Protein backbone atom coordinates (compact mmCIF):
# COMPACT_ATOMS: atom_id res chain seq x y z
CA UNK A 1 16.57 -10.91 -39.11
CA UNK A 2 13.11 -12.46 -39.10
CA UNK A 3 11.40 -15.45 -37.50
CA UNK A 4 11.85 -18.08 -40.21
CA UNK A 5 10.17 -21.43 -40.35
CA UNK A 6 12.46 -24.37 -39.61
CA UNK A 7 13.50 -26.88 -42.26
CA UNK A 8 11.25 -29.46 -40.60
CA UNK A 9 8.29 -27.09 -40.81
CA UNK A 10 9.00 -26.40 -44.47
CA UNK A 11 9.22 -30.13 -45.25
CA UNK A 12 5.79 -30.50 -43.67
CA UNK A 13 4.28 -27.76 -45.81
CA UNK A 14 4.64 -24.82 -43.40
CA UNK A 15 1.77 -22.65 -42.20
CA UNK A 16 0.17 -19.34 -43.18
CA UNK A 17 0.38 -18.15 -39.56
CA UNK A 18 4.15 -18.65 -39.49
CA UNK A 19 4.57 -16.84 -42.81
CA UNK A 20 2.56 -13.86 -41.63
CA UNK A 21 4.52 -13.67 -38.38
CA UNK A 22 7.78 -13.72 -40.34
CA UNK A 23 6.51 -11.07 -42.73
CA UNK A 24 5.57 -8.74 -39.86
CA UNK A 25 9.28 -8.66 -38.94
CA UNK A 26 10.27 -7.89 -42.53
CA UNK A 27 7.81 -5.04 -42.99
CA UNK A 28 8.69 -3.46 -39.65
CA UNK A 29 12.41 -3.57 -40.49
CA UNK A 30 11.79 -2.18 -43.98
CA UNK A 31 9.79 0.80 -42.73
CA UNK A 32 12.44 1.51 -40.10
CA UNK A 33 15.11 1.40 -42.81
CA UNK A 34 13.18 3.87 -44.97
CA UNK A 35 12.67 6.26 -42.04
CA UNK A 36 16.19 6.23 -40.64
CA UNK A 37 18.73 4.85 -43.09
CA UNK A 38 17.71 5.04 -46.76
CA UNK A 39 18.26 8.79 -47.28
CA UNK A 40 16.69 8.64 -50.75
CA UNK A 41 19.17 6.10 -52.12
CA UNK A 42 18.48 3.39 -54.67
CA UNK A 43 18.27 -0.15 -53.30
CA UNK A 44 18.53 -3.79 -54.42
CA UNK A 45 16.38 -6.48 -52.78
CA UNK A 46 17.93 -9.97 -52.42
CA UNK A 47 15.99 -13.05 -51.41
CA UNK A 48 15.93 -16.82 -51.78
CA UNK A 49 13.32 -19.42 -50.81
CA UNK A 50 11.59 -18.13 -47.64
CA UNK A 51 13.32 -14.79 -48.20
CA UNK A 52 11.75 -14.53 -51.64
CA UNK A 53 8.32 -15.22 -50.16
CA UNK A 54 8.88 -12.34 -47.78
CA UNK A 55 10.06 -9.98 -50.52
CA UNK A 56 7.20 -10.93 -52.85
CA UNK A 57 4.79 -9.69 -50.20
CA UNK A 58 6.90 -6.62 -49.32
CA UNK A 59 7.11 -5.56 -52.96
CA UNK A 60 3.45 -6.33 -53.56
CA UNK A 61 2.08 -4.57 -50.49
CA UNK A 62 4.48 -1.72 -49.71
CA UNK A 63 6.78 -0.90 -52.64
CA UNK A 64 4.85 -1.61 -55.85
CA UNK A 65 1.91 0.74 -55.01
CA UNK A 66 4.17 3.61 -53.86
CA UNK A 67 5.59 5.46 -56.87
CA UNK A 68 8.07 7.47 -54.77
CA UNK A 69 9.67 4.42 -53.19
CA UNK A 70 9.31 2.32 -56.34
CA UNK A 71 11.49 4.81 -58.25
CA UNK A 72 14.37 3.90 -55.91
CA UNK A 73 14.17 0.18 -56.77
CA UNK A 74 17.31 -0.69 -58.73
CA UNK A 75 16.26 -4.34 -58.93
CA UNK A 76 14.87 -7.27 -56.98
CA UNK A 77 16.64 -10.65 -56.98
CA UNK A 78 13.87 -13.05 -55.97
CA UNK A 79 15.16 -16.59 -56.40
CA UNK A 80 13.52 -19.94 -55.67
CA UNK A 81 10.18 -18.52 -54.57
CA UNK A 82 7.67 -18.73 -57.47
CA UNK A 83 7.26 -15.05 -58.39
CA UNK A 84 4.16 -14.90 -60.58
CA UNK A 85 3.22 -12.89 -63.67
CA UNK A 86 0.11 -12.95 -65.80
CA UNK A 87 0.49 -15.50 -68.61
CA UNK A 88 2.25 -14.04 -71.62
CA UNK A 89 3.23 -10.88 -69.70
CA UNK A 90 6.22 -9.62 -67.71
CA UNK A 91 4.04 -8.26 -64.88
CA UNK A 92 0.44 -8.30 -63.69
CA UNK A 93 0.85 -11.14 -61.19
CA UNK A 94 2.52 -10.44 -57.86
CA UNK A 95 3.27 -6.87 -58.97
CA UNK A 96 1.26 -4.49 -61.10
CA UNK A 97 4.03 -1.96 -61.75
CA UNK A 98 7.34 -3.81 -61.27
CA UNK A 99 8.12 -5.97 -64.33
CA UNK A 100 10.58 -8.78 -65.03
CA UNK A 101 14.12 -7.78 -66.05
CA UNK A 102 14.20 -8.38 -69.81
CA UNK A 103 17.25 -6.39 -70.94
CA UNK A 104 20.68 -5.43 -69.69
CA UNK A 105 20.95 -2.42 -67.38
CA UNK A 106 17.15 -2.25 -66.94
CA UNK A 107 16.19 -0.82 -63.56
CA UNK A 108 13.07 -1.09 -61.41
CA UNK A 109 12.61 -4.77 -62.35
CA UNK A 110 13.04 -8.26 -60.85
CA UNK A 111 15.13 -11.34 -61.58
CA UNK A 112 13.55 -14.67 -60.64
CA UNK A 113 14.25 -18.32 -61.36
CA UNK A 114 14.26 -21.83 -59.90
CA UNK A 115 16.98 -24.22 -61.09
CA UNK A 116 16.36 -27.71 -62.49
CA UNK A 117 18.30 -30.08 -64.71
CA UNK A 118 15.41 -32.42 -65.50
CA UNK A 119 11.69 -31.94 -66.08
CA UNK A 120 10.09 -30.91 -62.78
CA UNK A 121 7.84 -33.68 -61.41
CA UNK A 122 4.12 -33.10 -61.01
CA UNK A 123 4.57 -32.45 -57.29
CA UNK A 124 7.37 -29.92 -57.84
CA UNK A 125 7.55 -27.13 -55.27
CA UNK A 126 8.83 -24.64 -57.84
CA UNK A 127 8.00 -23.51 -61.34
CA UNK A 128 4.22 -23.92 -61.18
CA UNK A 129 1.56 -21.55 -59.85
CA UNK A 130 -0.58 -23.26 -57.19
CA UNK A 131 -4.28 -23.74 -57.78
CA UNK A 132 -4.98 -21.64 -54.70
CA UNK A 133 -2.95 -19.42 -52.39
CA UNK A 134 -2.10 -20.95 -49.00
CA UNK A 135 0.22 -18.20 -47.75
CA UNK A 136 -2.50 -16.00 -46.30
CA UNK A 137 -1.07 -13.08 -48.30
CA UNK A 138 -3.62 -13.26 -51.11
CA UNK A 139 -0.97 -13.97 -53.74
CA UNK A 140 -2.09 -14.74 -57.32
CA UNK A 141 -3.03 -18.36 -57.99
CA UNK A 142 -4.73 -20.40 -60.69
CA UNK A 143 -4.46 -20.90 -64.44
CA UNK A 144 -4.30 -17.20 -65.42
CA UNK A 145 -0.75 -16.90 -64.06
CA UNK A 146 2.67 -18.47 -64.58
CA UNK A 147 5.89 -18.54 -62.59
CA UNK A 148 8.45 -16.00 -63.79
CA UNK A 149 11.84 -17.15 -65.05
CA UNK A 150 14.55 -14.72 -66.14
CA UNK A 151 17.84 -15.88 -67.64
CA UNK A 152 20.63 -14.13 -65.70
CA UNK A 153 23.16 -14.69 -68.50
CA UNK A 154 20.84 -13.65 -71.33
CA UNK A 155 17.98 -11.52 -69.97
CA UNK A 156 16.88 -10.17 -73.36
CA UNK A 157 17.18 -13.14 -75.73
CA UNK A 158 17.05 -16.03 -73.21
CA UNK A 159 19.68 -17.91 -75.21
CA UNK A 160 21.27 -21.06 -73.78
CA UNK A 161 24.42 -19.50 -72.41
CA UNK A 162 27.32 -20.66 -70.19
CA UNK A 163 26.74 -19.56 -66.60
CA UNK A 164 29.39 -18.16 -64.27
CA UNK A 165 29.22 -20.06 -60.99
CA UNK A 166 30.84 -18.82 -57.77
CA UNK A 167 30.86 -20.72 -54.46
CA UNK A 168 32.05 -20.17 -50.95
CA UNK A 169 34.88 -22.63 -50.44
CA UNK A 170 34.31 -23.74 -46.85
CA UNK A 171 31.93 -26.68 -46.25
CA UNK A 172 28.40 -25.67 -45.30
CA UNK A 173 27.39 -26.93 -41.82
CA UNK A 174 24.36 -28.88 -40.60
CA UNK A 175 21.47 -30.31 -42.59
CA UNK A 176 22.05 -27.98 -45.55
CA UNK A 177 25.65 -29.13 -45.71
CA UNK A 178 24.51 -32.74 -45.90
CA UNK A 179 22.04 -31.85 -48.66
CA UNK A 180 24.82 -30.14 -50.63
CA UNK A 181 26.85 -33.36 -50.45
CA UNK A 182 23.78 -35.12 -51.87
CA UNK A 183 23.42 -32.54 -54.63
CA UNK A 184 27.09 -32.77 -55.65
CA UNK A 185 27.26 -36.54 -55.25
CA UNK A 186 30.21 -36.03 -52.90
CA UNK A 187 32.11 -33.16 -51.25
CA UNK A 188 31.42 -29.75 -52.73
CA UNK A 189 34.30 -28.00 -54.56
CA UNK A 190 36.89 -26.46 -52.24
CA UNK A 191 39.90 -24.15 -52.47
CA UNK A 192 42.26 -22.27 -50.12
CA UNK A 193 40.57 -18.98 -51.11
CA UNK A 194 37.27 -17.78 -49.57
CA UNK A 195 35.54 -17.96 -52.97
CA UNK A 196 36.08 -20.22 -55.96
CA UNK A 197 34.88 -20.75 -59.52
CA UNK A 198 34.31 -24.51 -59.96
CA UNK A 199 35.80 -26.44 -62.84
CA UNK A 200 32.31 -27.85 -63.47
CA UNK A 201 30.48 -25.49 -65.83
CA UNK A 202 26.85 -25.39 -66.97
CA UNK A 203 24.68 -23.61 -69.50
CA UNK A 204 21.28 -22.23 -68.60
CA UNK A 205 18.07 -21.24 -70.31
CA UNK A 206 14.52 -20.54 -69.10
CA UNK A 207 12.26 -23.29 -70.41
CA UNK A 208 8.71 -24.47 -69.89
CA UNK A 209 8.61 -28.18 -69.09
CA UNK A 210 5.33 -29.97 -68.39
CA UNK A 211 3.71 -26.69 -67.32
CA UNK A 212 6.64 -25.58 -65.12
CA UNK A 213 8.67 -22.48 -66.01
CA UNK A 214 12.22 -22.97 -64.72
CA UNK A 215 15.92 -22.31 -65.39
CA UNK A 216 17.08 -25.56 -67.04
CA UNK A 217 20.81 -26.17 -66.77
CA UNK A 218 22.94 -28.60 -68.76
CA UNK A 219 26.55 -29.69 -68.06
CA UNK A 220 29.40 -28.50 -70.27
CA UNK A 221 31.82 -31.29 -71.19
CA UNK A 222 32.52 -33.62 -68.27
CA UNK A 223 30.90 -31.44 -65.59
CA UNK A 224 29.33 -33.59 -62.90
CA UNK A 225 25.57 -34.11 -62.97
CA UNK A 226 23.92 -32.41 -60.02
CA UNK A 227 21.32 -34.35 -58.04
CA UNK A 228 18.01 -32.90 -56.82
CA UNK A 229 18.09 -32.45 -53.04
CA UNK A 230 16.45 -33.41 -50.77
CA UNK A 231 14.18 -34.99 -53.44
CA UNK A 232 13.14 -34.32 -57.08
CA UNK A 233 10.30 -32.00 -56.02
CA UNK A 234 12.91 -29.44 -54.89
CA UNK A 235 15.01 -29.61 -58.07
CA UNK A 236 18.38 -27.85 -57.67
CA UNK A 237 16.93 -25.38 -55.18
CA UNK A 238 20.21 -25.29 -53.23
CA UNK A 239 22.05 -24.08 -56.36
CA UNK A 240 19.71 -21.18 -57.20
CA UNK A 241 21.90 -18.47 -55.69
CA UNK A 242 25.31 -19.70 -56.84
CA UNK A 243 24.77 -21.32 -60.24
CA UNK A 244 24.87 -17.95 -62.04
CA UNK A 245 26.19 -15.69 -59.30
CA UNK A 246 28.86 -14.15 -61.53
CA UNK A 247 26.29 -13.27 -64.19
CA UNK A 248 23.94 -11.86 -61.58
CA UNK A 249 26.59 -9.66 -59.96
CA UNK A 250 27.51 -8.31 -63.39
CA UNK A 251 23.90 -7.51 -64.25
CA UNK A 252 23.22 -5.76 -60.93
CA UNK A 253 26.41 -3.72 -61.37
CA UNK A 254 25.13 -2.53 -64.77
CA UNK A 255 21.75 -1.71 -63.22
CA UNK A 256 23.33 0.28 -60.41
CA UNK A 257 25.44 2.25 -62.90
CA UNK A 258 22.39 2.99 -65.06
CA UNK A 259 20.37 4.02 -62.01
CA UNK A 260 23.11 6.39 -60.84
CA UNK A 261 23.39 8.01 -64.27
CA UNK A 262 19.63 8.54 -64.44
CA UNK A 263 19.45 9.95 -60.92
CA UNK A 264 21.92 12.84 -61.10
CA UNK A 265 21.31 15.02 -58.05
CA UNK A 266 19.45 18.25 -58.73
CA UNK A 267 21.94 20.75 -57.32
CA UNK A 268 23.63 23.85 -58.75
CA UNK A 269 26.23 26.35 -57.68
CA UNK A 270 25.10 29.91 -56.99
CA UNK A 271 27.27 33.02 -57.33
CA UNK A 272 26.33 36.48 -56.06
CA UNK A 273 28.55 39.53 -56.58
CA UNK A 274 28.51 43.22 -57.45
CA UNK A 275 28.76 43.48 -61.25
CA UNK A 276 30.84 45.97 -63.16
CA UNK A 277 30.94 46.68 -66.88
CA UNK A 278 31.01 43.45 -68.86
CA UNK A 279 29.42 41.74 -65.84
CA UNK A 280 32.79 41.25 -64.17
CA UNK A 281 33.11 40.61 -60.41
CA UNK A 282 33.40 43.97 -58.68
CA UNK A 283 32.93 43.18 -54.98
CA UNK A 284 33.12 40.13 -52.76
CA UNK A 285 32.04 36.85 -54.35
CA UNK A 286 29.42 34.85 -52.41
CA UNK A 287 29.13 31.14 -53.28
CA UNK A 288 26.46 28.62 -52.40
CA UNK A 289 24.72 25.41 -53.37
CA UNK A 290 21.01 25.32 -54.21
CA UNK A 291 18.50 23.10 -55.99
CA UNK A 292 15.73 20.59 -55.31
CA UNK A 293 18.10 18.05 -53.71
CA UNK A 294 20.15 20.45 -51.60
CA UNK A 295 18.75 18.91 -48.39
CA UNK A 296 20.48 15.65 -49.32
CA UNK A 297 23.93 17.26 -49.56
CA UNK A 298 26.45 15.82 -47.07
CA UNK A 299 29.40 18.11 -47.76
CA UNK A 300 30.70 20.64 -50.25
CA UNK A 301 34.18 21.78 -51.23
CA UNK A 302 34.68 25.16 -52.91
CA UNK A 303 37.90 25.85 -54.80
CA UNK A 304 39.29 29.02 -56.38
CA UNK A 305 41.25 27.75 -59.39
CA UNK A 306 42.73 24.64 -57.74
CA UNK A 307 43.15 26.06 -54.25
CA UNK A 308 40.73 24.89 -51.55
CA UNK A 309 38.62 27.72 -50.17
CA UNK A 310 36.48 25.75 -47.71
CA UNK A 311 35.33 22.21 -47.00
CA UNK A 312 31.84 22.54 -45.53
CA UNK A 313 29.86 19.76 -43.84
CA UNK A 314 27.12 21.96 -42.39
CA UNK A 315 24.14 23.44 -44.29
CA UNK A 316 23.48 25.91 -45.86
CA UNK A 317 26.85 25.34 -47.65
CA UNK A 318 27.75 28.97 -48.37
CA UNK A 319 31.00 30.90 -48.30
CA UNK A 320 32.45 34.26 -49.37
CA UNK A 321 35.65 34.98 -51.33
CA UNK A 322 36.88 38.47 -50.64
CA UNK A 323 37.60 40.76 -53.58
CA UNK A 324 41.20 41.13 -52.41
CA UNK A 325 41.86 37.45 -53.31
CA UNK A 326 40.93 38.00 -56.97
CA UNK A 327 43.49 39.32 -59.46
CA UNK A 328 42.19 42.36 -61.34
CA UNK A 329 41.18 41.71 -64.94
CA UNK A 330 42.00 37.99 -64.74
CA UNK A 331 39.58 35.18 -65.51
CA UNK A 332 39.35 32.51 -62.82
CA UNK A 333 37.56 29.22 -62.32
CA UNK A 334 35.32 28.49 -59.34
CA UNK A 335 34.73 24.79 -58.64
CA UNK A 336 32.39 23.02 -56.23
CA UNK A 337 32.56 19.30 -55.38
CA UNK A 338 29.24 18.22 -53.86
CA UNK A 339 28.82 14.85 -52.12
CA UNK A 340 25.31 13.60 -51.41
CA UNK A 341 24.28 11.55 -48.37
CA UNK A 342 23.95 8.47 -50.61
CA UNK A 343 27.56 8.84 -51.80
CA UNK A 344 26.86 10.29 -55.26
CA UNK A 345 29.22 13.08 -56.27
CA UNK A 346 28.54 16.13 -58.44
CA UNK A 347 31.15 18.46 -59.92
CA UNK A 348 30.08 22.04 -60.58
CA UNK A 349 32.04 24.92 -62.06
CA UNK A 350 31.84 28.45 -63.39
CA UNK A 351 34.36 30.78 -65.03
CA UNK A 352 34.29 34.47 -63.99
CA UNK A 353 36.45 37.58 -64.42
CA UNK A 354 37.49 40.07 -61.80
CA UNK A 355 36.99 43.74 -62.71
CA UNK A 356 40.10 45.85 -63.31
């Protein structure tokens, strides 16, 4: 939670003081999260409109310069907030080290777009880099930069592709609900289920129109034409998060899978025992878990063949199997199932032989 500006304040242009007050909440919460709750896990940042302004500054100031924390960034979803890059580049604007997402399953990158279905007017709030920064954050401004647009349905080729739209089915309350009626030209789609996929479908592609870099959508078949709301300078800002939500969820799922595969915990099973001829197990067998990430282990299960020996939730995750439990001259399999504090699981195993 942070102290947002009201819709009336935004319509009037907002203020740098209000933005900086809001950001102070965001940074404090983020640092608290890192200290007490992250436990070394990967993370995804999600923001829209004011939220994207907050995350642009958080990434720029706190995450982008810190290689240790930056390695945990699975992706940032920064919609409707004019993320900037240096012209002709995928980075070098808001962030020096975090680039745009330009291929499937890429990690440590950001998605960003603002949705329009007609050329943004000259006074458009989105798609163009301002001549000077008015946020008080020192964000990039001027002709050397451009607003980033990534195509959620075709991040590599940016082909005009059908988008997968998902909506909440209940009517949105208040002023935003009224603006959604304006955007749809009537009641928004509804269904008895909590979520729905509208019959109206659209294609999308990042395009540069009159100096603005935006996600341009076009109707498929008889899909209704969406209206800018509250006025053409906003474009289809209210649709940014939902117009390609299915595509976005799919992409983030691929990123999370790729991140998990690349971040296999550095743990190993240790075995200590008195060795006989042929290096067979002569005495008691002592088992343990070691490695660079052992401090992030939540619990460990040791099994002899398929029989549970111990389920241990307390470090240092060691146990002993007495020699009397091992059949003389028989090979046996020791297994360890290690669960990390971030939920990742590692299976370890070793085959040994008891001395005759």
